[in-house]
PDB file of all heavy atoms in Angstrom:
ATOM      1  N   PRO A   1      92.571 122.010 104.037  1.00  0.00           N
ATOM      2  CA  PRO A   1      91.406 122.842 104.118  1.00  0.00           C
ATOM      3  C   PRO A   1      90.565 122.872 102.835  1.00  0.00           C
ATOM      4  O   PRO A   1      89.374 123.208 102.910  1.00  0.00           O
ATOM      5  CB  PRO A   1      91.992 124.185 104.253  1.00  0.00           C
ATOM      6  CG  PRO A   1      93.394 124.113 103.697  1.00  0.00           C
ATOM      7  CD  PRO A   1      93.870 122.799 103.985  1.00  0.00           C
ATOM      8  N   GLU A   2      91.061 122.435 101.786  1.00  0.00           N
ATOM      9  CA  GLU A   2      90.343 122.460 100.493  1.00  0.00           C
ATOM     10  C   GLU A   2      89.488 121.225 100.242  1.00  0.00           C
ATOM     11  O   GLU A   2      88.751 121.125  99.263  1.00  0.00           O
ATOM     12  CB  GLU A   2      91.305 122.530  99.276  1.00  0.00           C
ATOM     13  CG  GLU A   2      92.229 121.376  99.075  1.00  0.00           C
ATOM     14  CD  GLU A   2      93.447 121.327  99.855  1.00  0.00           C
ATOM     15  OE1 GLU A   2      93.498 121.979 100.933  1.00  0.00           O
ATOM     16  OE2 GLU A   2      94.419 120.720  99.373  1.00  0.00           O
ATOM     17  N   HIS A   3      89.564 120.265 101.264  1.00  0.00           N
ATOM     18  CA  HIS A   3      88.669 118.988 101.200  1.00  0.00           C
ATOM     19  C   HIS A   3      87.817 118.863 102.309  1.00  0.00           C
ATOM     20  O   HIS A   3      88.139 119.388 103.382  1.00  0.00           O
ATOM     21  CB  HIS A   3      89.674 117.808 101.015  1.00  0.00           C
ATOM     22  CG  HIS A   3      90.722 117.983 100.004  1.00  0.00           C
ATOM     23  ND1 HIS A   3      90.359 117.916  98.594  1.00  0.00           N
ATOM     24  CD2 HIS A   3      92.082 118.033 100.008  1.00  0.00           C
ATOM     25  CE1 HIS A   3      91.536 117.938  97.906  1.00  0.00           C
ATOM     26  NE2 HIS A   3      92.570 118.035  98.691  1.00  0.00           N
ATOM     27  N   HIS A   4      86.755 118.147 102.155  1.00  0.00           N
ATOM     28  CA  HIS A   4      85.941 117.676 103.246  1.00  0.00           C
ATOM     29  C   HIS A   4      86.497 116.451 103.815  1.00  0.00           C
ATOM     30  O   HIS A   4      86.496 115.402 103.205  1.00  0.00           O
ATOM     31  CB  HIS A   4      84.510 117.580 102.782  1.00  0.00           C
ATOM     32  CG  HIS A   4      83.642 116.896 103.838  1.00  0.00           C
ATOM     33  ND1 HIS A   4      83.240 117.673 105.015  1.00  0.00           N
ATOM     34  CD2 HIS A   4      82.987 115.645 103.966  1.00  0.00           C
ATOM     35  CE1 HIS A   4      82.470 116.848 105.741  1.00  0.00           C
ATOM     36  NE2 HIS A   4      82.259 115.703 105.147  1.00  0.00           N
ATOM     37  N   VAL A   5      87.046 116.566 105.060  1.00  0.00           N
ATOM     38  CA  VAL A   5      87.815 115.442 105.707  1.00  0.00           C
ATOM     39  C   VAL A   5      86.851 114.644 106.581  1.00  0.00           C
ATOM     40  O   VAL A   5      86.120 115.168 107.346  1.00  0.00           O
ATOM     41  CB  VAL A   5      89.068 115.943 106.454  1.00  0.00           C
ATOM     42  CG1 VAL A   5      89.761 114.760 107.083  1.00  0.00           C
ATOM     43  CG2 VAL A   5      89.989 116.714 105.529  1.00  0.00           C
ATOM     44  N   GLU A   6      86.944 113.305 106.414  1.00  0.00           N
ATOM     45  CA  GLU A   6      86.093 112.440 107.216  1.00  0.00           C
ATOM     46  C   GLU A   6      87.001 111.353 107.835  1.00  0.00           C
ATOM     47  O   GLU A   6      88.031 110.986 107.181  1.00  0.00           O
ATOM     48  CB  GLU A   6      85.010 111.769 106.467  1.00  0.00           C
ATOM     49  CG  GLU A   6      83.887 112.732 105.998  1.00  0.00           C
ATOM     50  CD  GLU A   6      82.873 111.994 105.225  1.00  0.00           C
ATOM     51  OE1 GLU A   6      82.426 110.813 105.699  1.00  0.00           O
ATOM     52  OE2 GLU A   6      82.244 112.568 104.334  1.00  0.00           O
ATOM     53  N   LEU A   7      86.596 110.766 108.966  1.00  0.00           N
ATOM     54  CA  LEU A   7      87.263 109.571 109.496  1.00  0.00           C
ATOM     55  C   LEU A   7      86.267 108.423 109.554  1.00  0.00           C
ATOM     56  O   LEU A   7      85.089 108.622 110.005  1.00  0.00           O
ATOM     57  CB  LEU A   7      87.821 109.854 110.952  1.00  0.00           C
ATOM     58  CG  LEU A   7      88.787 110.954 111.093  1.00  0.00           C
ATOM     59  CD1 LEU A   7      89.156 111.158 112.540  1.00  0.00           C
ATOM     60  CD2 LEU A   7      90.093 110.691 110.363  1.00  0.00           C
ATOM     61  N   ARG A   8      86.698 107.203 109.170  1.00  0.00           N
ATOM     62  CA  ARG A   8      85.788 106.070 109.227  1.00  0.00           C
ATOM     63  C   ARG A   8      86.449 104.868 109.812  1.00  0.00           C
ATOM     64  O   ARG A   8      87.623 104.528 109.337  1.00  0.00           O
ATOM     65  CB  ARG A   8      85.247 105.742 107.788  1.00  0.00           C
ATOM     66  CG  ARG A   8      84.327 106.852 107.209  1.00  0.00           C
ATOM     67  CD  ARG A   8      83.649 106.367 106.079  1.00  0.00           C
ATOM     68  NE  ARG A   8      82.803 107.451 105.574  1.00  0.00           N
ATOM     69  CZ  ARG A   8      81.990 107.392 104.501  1.00  0.00           C
ATOM     70  NH1 ARG A   8      82.112 106.190 103.755  1.00  0.00           N
ATOM     71  NH2 ARG A   8      81.290 108.319 104.020  1.00  0.00           N
ATOM     72  N   ARG A   9      85.845 104.298 110.755  1.00  0.00           N
ATOM     73  CA  ARG A   9      86.484 103.130 111.475  1.00  0.00           C
ATOM     74  C   ARG A   9      86.140 101.800 110.682  1.00  0.00           C
ATOM     75  O   ARG A   9      84.972 101.720 110.348  1.00  0.00           O
ATOM     76  CB  ARG A   9      85.912 103.064 112.895  1.00  0.00           C
ATOM     77  CG  ARG A   9      86.502 101.890 113.752  1.00  0.00           C
ATOM     78  CD  ARG A   9      86.089 101.996 115.145  1.00  0.00           C
ATOM     79  NE  ARG A   9      86.485 100.890 115.969  1.00  0.00           N
ATOM     80  CZ  ARG A   9      86.262 100.747 117.292  1.00  0.00           C
ATOM     81  NH1 ARG A   9      85.572 101.684 117.896  1.00  0.00           N
ATOM     82  NH2 ARG A   9      86.735  99.714 117.939  1.00  0.00           N
ATOM     83  N   ILE A  10      87.103 100.962 110.522  1.00  0.00           N
ATOM     84  CA  ILE A  10      86.895  99.703 109.852  1.00  0.00           C
ATOM     85  C   ILE A  10      87.408  98.589 110.770  1.00  0.00           C
ATOM     86  O   ILE A  10      88.159  98.839 111.753  1.00  0.00           O
ATOM     87  CB  ILE A  10      87.605  99.560 108.588  1.00  0.00           C
ATOM     88  CG1 ILE A  10      89.083  99.679 108.741  1.00  0.00           C
ATOM     89  CG2 ILE A  10      87.115 100.620 107.543  1.00  0.00           C
ATOM     90  CD1 ILE A  10      89.974  99.583 107.420  1.00  0.00           C
ATOM     91  N   GLY A  11      86.943  97.391 110.553  1.00  0.00           N
ATOM     92  CA  GLY A  11      87.336  96.222 111.389  1.00  0.00           C
ATOM     93  C   GLY A  11      88.785  95.722 111.060  1.00  0.00           C
ATOM     94  O   GLY A  11      89.291  96.127 110.156  1.00  0.00           O
ATOM     95  N   PRO A  12      89.314  94.870 111.932  1.00  0.00           N
ATOM     96  CA  PRO A  12      90.711  94.427 111.769  1.00  0.00           C
ATOM     97  C   PRO A  12      90.888  93.563 110.561  1.00  0.00           C
ATOM     98  O   PRO A  12      91.999  93.638 109.957  1.00  0.00           O
ATOM     99  CB  PRO A  12      90.904  93.576 113.097  1.00  0.00           C
ATOM    100  CG  PRO A  12      89.548  93.237 113.574  1.00  0.00           C
ATOM    101  CD  PRO A  12      88.645  94.347 113.214  1.00  0.00           C
ATOM    102  N   ARG A  13      89.855  92.852 110.197  1.00  0.00           N
ATOM    103  CA  ARG A  13      89.938  92.023 108.898  1.00  0.00           C
ATOM    104  C   ARG A  13      90.091  92.973 107.678  1.00  0.00           C
ATOM    105  O   ARG A  13      90.918  92.714 106.746  1.00  0.00           O
ATOM    106  CB  ARG A  13      88.744  91.143 108.721  1.00  0.00           C
ATOM    107  CG  ARG A  13      88.651  89.983 109.754  1.00  0.00           C
ATOM    108  CD  ARG A  13      87.573  89.090 109.479  1.00  0.00           C
ATOM    109  NE  ARG A  13      87.270  88.054 110.499  1.00  0.00           N
ATOM    110  CZ  ARG A  13      87.989  86.982 110.577  1.00  0.00           C
ATOM    111  NH1 ARG A  13      88.960  86.619 109.835  1.00  0.00           N
ATOM    112  NH2 ARG A  13      87.613  86.143 111.641  1.00  0.00           N
ATOM    113  N   ASP A  14      89.288  94.095 107.663  1.00  0.00           N
ATOM    114  CA  ASP A  14      89.332  94.995 106.569  1.00  0.00           C
ATOM    115  C   ASP A  14      90.731  95.766 106.548  1.00  0.00           C
ATOM    116  O   ASP A  14      91.272  95.984 105.463  1.00  0.00           O
ATOM    117  CB  ASP A  14      88.199  96.007 106.633  1.00  0.00           C
ATOM    118  CG  ASP A  14      86.832  95.302 106.421  1.00  0.00           C
ATOM    119  OD1 ASP A  14      86.598  94.951 105.366  1.00  0.00           O
ATOM    120  OD2 ASP A  14      86.062  95.335 107.450  1.00  0.00           O
ATOM    121  N   ALA A  15      91.168  96.027 107.730  1.00  0.00           N
ATOM    122  CA  ALA A  15      92.472  96.702 107.858  1.00  0.00           C
ATOM    123  C   ALA A  15      93.581  95.822 107.312  1.00  0.00           C
ATOM    124  O   ALA A  15      94.447  96.343 106.501  1.00  0.00           O
ATOM    125  CB  ALA A  15      92.728  97.077 109.313  1.00  0.00           C
ATOM    126  N   ALA A  16      93.646  94.588 107.668  1.00  0.00           N
ATOM    127  CA  ALA A  16      94.575  93.623 107.165  1.00  0.00           C
ATOM    128  C   ALA A  16      94.573  93.465 105.700  1.00  0.00           C
ATOM    129  O   ALA A  16      95.577  93.245 104.977  1.00  0.00           O
ATOM    130  CB  ALA A  16      94.437  92.246 107.896  1.00  0.00           C
ATOM    131  N   LYS A  17      93.337  93.453 105.092  1.00  0.00           N
ATOM    132  CA  LYS A  17      93.126  93.351 103.682  1.00  0.00           C
ATOM    133  C   LYS A  17      93.782  94.519 102.971  1.00  0.00           C
ATOM    134  O   LYS A  17      94.436  94.341 101.913  1.00  0.00           O
ATOM    135  CB  LYS A  17      91.625  93.273 103.356  1.00  0.00           C
ATOM    136  CG  LYS A  17      91.314  93.199 101.884  1.00  0.00           C
ATOM    137  CD  LYS A  17      89.754  93.177 101.767  1.00  0.00           C
ATOM    138  CE  LYS A  17      89.382  93.185 100.293  1.00  0.00           C
ATOM    139  NZ  LYS A  17      89.645  91.891  99.630  1.00  0.00           N
ATOM    140  N   ILE A  18      93.594  95.741 103.451  1.00  0.00           N
ATOM    141  CA  ILE A  18      94.125  96.878 102.890  1.00  0.00           C
ATOM    142  C   ILE A  18      95.675  96.972 102.965  1.00  0.00           C
ATOM    143  O   ILE A  18      96.364  97.286 102.055  1.00  0.00           O
ATOM    144  CB  ILE A  18      93.571  98.181 103.496  1.00  0.00           C
ATOM    145  CG1 ILE A  18      92.043  98.250 103.171  1.00  0.00           C
ATOM    146  CG2 ILE A  18      94.266  99.425 102.998  1.00  0.00           C
ATOM    147  CD1 ILE A  18      91.354  99.418 103.948  1.00  0.00           C
ATOM    148  N   ILE A  19      96.205  96.622 104.104  1.00  0.00           N
ATOM    149  CA  ILE A  19      97.656  96.602 104.332  1.00  0.00           C
ATOM    150  C   ILE A  19      98.426  95.622 103.543  1.00  0.00           C
ATOM    151  O   ILE A  19      99.469  95.850 103.083  1.00  0.00           O
ATOM    152  CB  ILE A  19      97.925  96.460 105.920  1.00  0.00           C
ATOM    153  CG1 ILE A  19      97.306  97.617 106.734  1.00  0.00           C
ATOM    154  CG2 ILE A  19      99.462  96.369 106.168  1.00  0.00           C
ATOM    155  CD1 ILE A  19      97.463  97.374 108.220  1.00  0.00           C
ATOM    156  N   GLY A  20      97.789  94.412 103.423  1.00  0.00           N
ATOM    157  CA  GLY A  20      98.384  93.425 102.689  1.00  0.00           C
ATOM    158  C   GLY A  20      99.573  92.768 103.330  1.00  0.00           C
ATOM    159  O   GLY A  20      99.728  92.824 104.596  1.00  0.00           O
ATOM    160  N   GLY A  21     100.522  92.147 102.558  1.00  0.00           N
ATOM    161  CA  GLY A  21     101.633  91.476 103.113  1.00  0.00           C
ATOM    162  C   GLY A  21     101.475  90.071 103.245  1.00  0.00           C
ATOM    163  O   GLY A  21     100.494  89.434 102.681  1.00  0.00           O
ATOM    164  N   MET A  22     102.423  89.338 103.785  1.00  0.00           N
ATOM    165  CA  MET A  22     102.425  87.832 103.919  1.00  0.00           C
ATOM    166  C   MET A  22     101.441  87.333 104.863  1.00  0.00           C
ATOM    167  O   MET A  22     101.217  87.992 105.962  1.00  0.00           O
ATOM    168  CB  MET A  22     103.806  87.374 104.329  1.00  0.00           C
ATOM    169  CG  MET A  22     104.040  85.917 104.428  1.00  0.00           C
ATOM    170  SD  MET A  22     105.677  85.426 104.887  1.00  0.00           S
ATOM    171  CE  MET A  22     106.594  85.955 103.308  1.00  0.00           C
ATOM    172  N   GLY A  23     100.786  86.231 104.513  1.00  0.00           N
ATOM    173  CA  GLY A  23      99.876  85.615 105.383  1.00  0.00           C
ATOM    174  C   GLY A  23     100.513  84.821 106.572  1.00  0.00           C
ATOM    175  O   GLY A  23     101.740  84.616 106.498  1.00  0.00           O
ATOM    176  N   ALA A  24      99.748  84.518 107.592  1.00  0.00           N
ATOM    177  CA  ALA A  24     100.341  83.785 108.781  1.00  0.00           C
ATOM    178  C   ALA A  24     100.854  82.418 108.353  1.00  0.00           C
ATOM    179  O   ALA A  24     101.731  81.842 109.049  1.00  0.00           O
ATOM    180  CB  ALA A  24      99.249  83.639 109.834  1.00  0.00           C
ATOM    181  N   CYS A  25     100.388  81.827 107.225  1.00  0.00           N
ATOM    182  CA  CYS A  25     100.767  80.528 106.755  1.00  0.00           C
ATOM    183  C   CYS A  25     102.077  80.566 106.024  1.00  0.00           C
ATOM    184  O   CYS A  25     102.665  79.553 105.588  1.00  0.00           O
ATOM    185  CB  CYS A  25      99.677  79.870 105.978  1.00  0.00           C
ATOM    186  SG  CYS A  25      99.292  80.818 104.517  1.00  0.00           S
ATOM    187  N   GLY A  26     102.471  81.867 105.621  1.00  0.00           N
ATOM    188  CA  GLY A  26     103.738  81.971 104.837  1.00  0.00           C
ATOM    189  C   GLY A  26     103.385  82.284 103.362  1.00  0.00           C
ATOM    190  O   GLY A  26     104.266  82.521 102.588  1.00  0.00           O
ATOM    191  N   LYS A  27     102.077  82.360 102.995  1.00  0.00           N
ATOM    192  CA  LYS A  27     101.678  82.697 101.624  1.00  0.00           C
ATOM    193  C   LYS A  27     102.100  84.133 101.358  1.00  0.00           C
ATOM    194  O   LYS A  27     101.936  84.967 102.197  1.00  0.00           O
ATOM    195  CB  LYS A  27     100.185  82.531 101.546  1.00  0.00           C
ATOM    196  CG  LYS A  27      99.613  82.590 100.077  1.00  0.00           C
ATOM    197  CD  LYS A  27      98.133  82.327 100.148  1.00  0.00           C
ATOM    198  CE  LYS A  27      97.543  82.286  98.622  1.00  0.00           C
ATOM    199  NZ  LYS A  27      97.696  83.575  98.040  1.00  0.00           N
ATOM    200  N   GLY A  28     102.672  84.362 100.190  1.00  0.00           N
ATOM    201  CA  GLY A  28     103.292  85.621  99.889  1.00  0.00           C
ATOM    202  C   GLY A  28     102.348  86.800  99.936  1.00  0.00           C
ATOM    203  O   GLY A  28     102.642  87.881 100.282  1.00  0.00           O
ATOM    204  N   ILE A  29     101.075  86.535  99.504  1.00  0.00           N
ATOM    205  CA  ILE A  29     100.025  87.580  99.559  1.00  0.00           C
ATOM    206  C   ILE A  29      98.787  87.012 100.319  1.00  0.00           C
ATOM    207  O   ILE A  29      98.387  85.866 100.123  1.00  0.00           O
ATOM    208  CB  ILE A  29      99.486  87.962  98.143  1.00  0.00           C
ATOM    209  CG1 ILE A  29     100.746  88.476  97.370  1.00  0.00           C
ATOM    210  CG2 ILE A  29      98.480  89.010  98.178  1.00  0.00           C
ATOM    211  CD1 ILE A  29     100.336  88.835  95.914  1.00  0.00           C
ATOM    212  N   ARG A  30      98.335  87.739 101.338  1.00  0.00           N
ATOM    213  CA  ARG A  30      97.207  87.270 102.115  1.00  0.00           C
ATOM    214  C   ARG A  30      95.961  86.972 101.173  1.00  0.00           C
ATOM    215  O   ARG A  30      95.654  87.717 100.317  1.00  0.00           O
ATOM    216  CB  ARG A  30      96.759  88.342 103.149  1.00  0.00           C
ATOM    217  CG  ARG A  30      97.864  88.615 104.140  1.00  0.00           C
ATOM    218  CD  ARG A  30      97.551  89.726 105.147  1.00  0.00           C
ATOM    219  NE  ARG A  30      98.695  90.055 105.962  1.00  0.00           N
ATOM    220  CZ  ARG A  30      98.729  91.132 106.662  1.00  0.00           C
ATOM    221  NH1 ARG A  30      97.691  91.975 106.794  1.00  0.00           N
ATOM    222  NH2 ARG A  30      99.764  91.386 107.430  1.00  0.00           N
TER     223      ARG A  30
END
């Protein structure tokens, strides 16, 4: 309640960028 809360939709590429993890090729970092 002490914050102004907003929701923003992003694309799947941006989501993958934020989540991170291994790439489809096996590279340790996408």
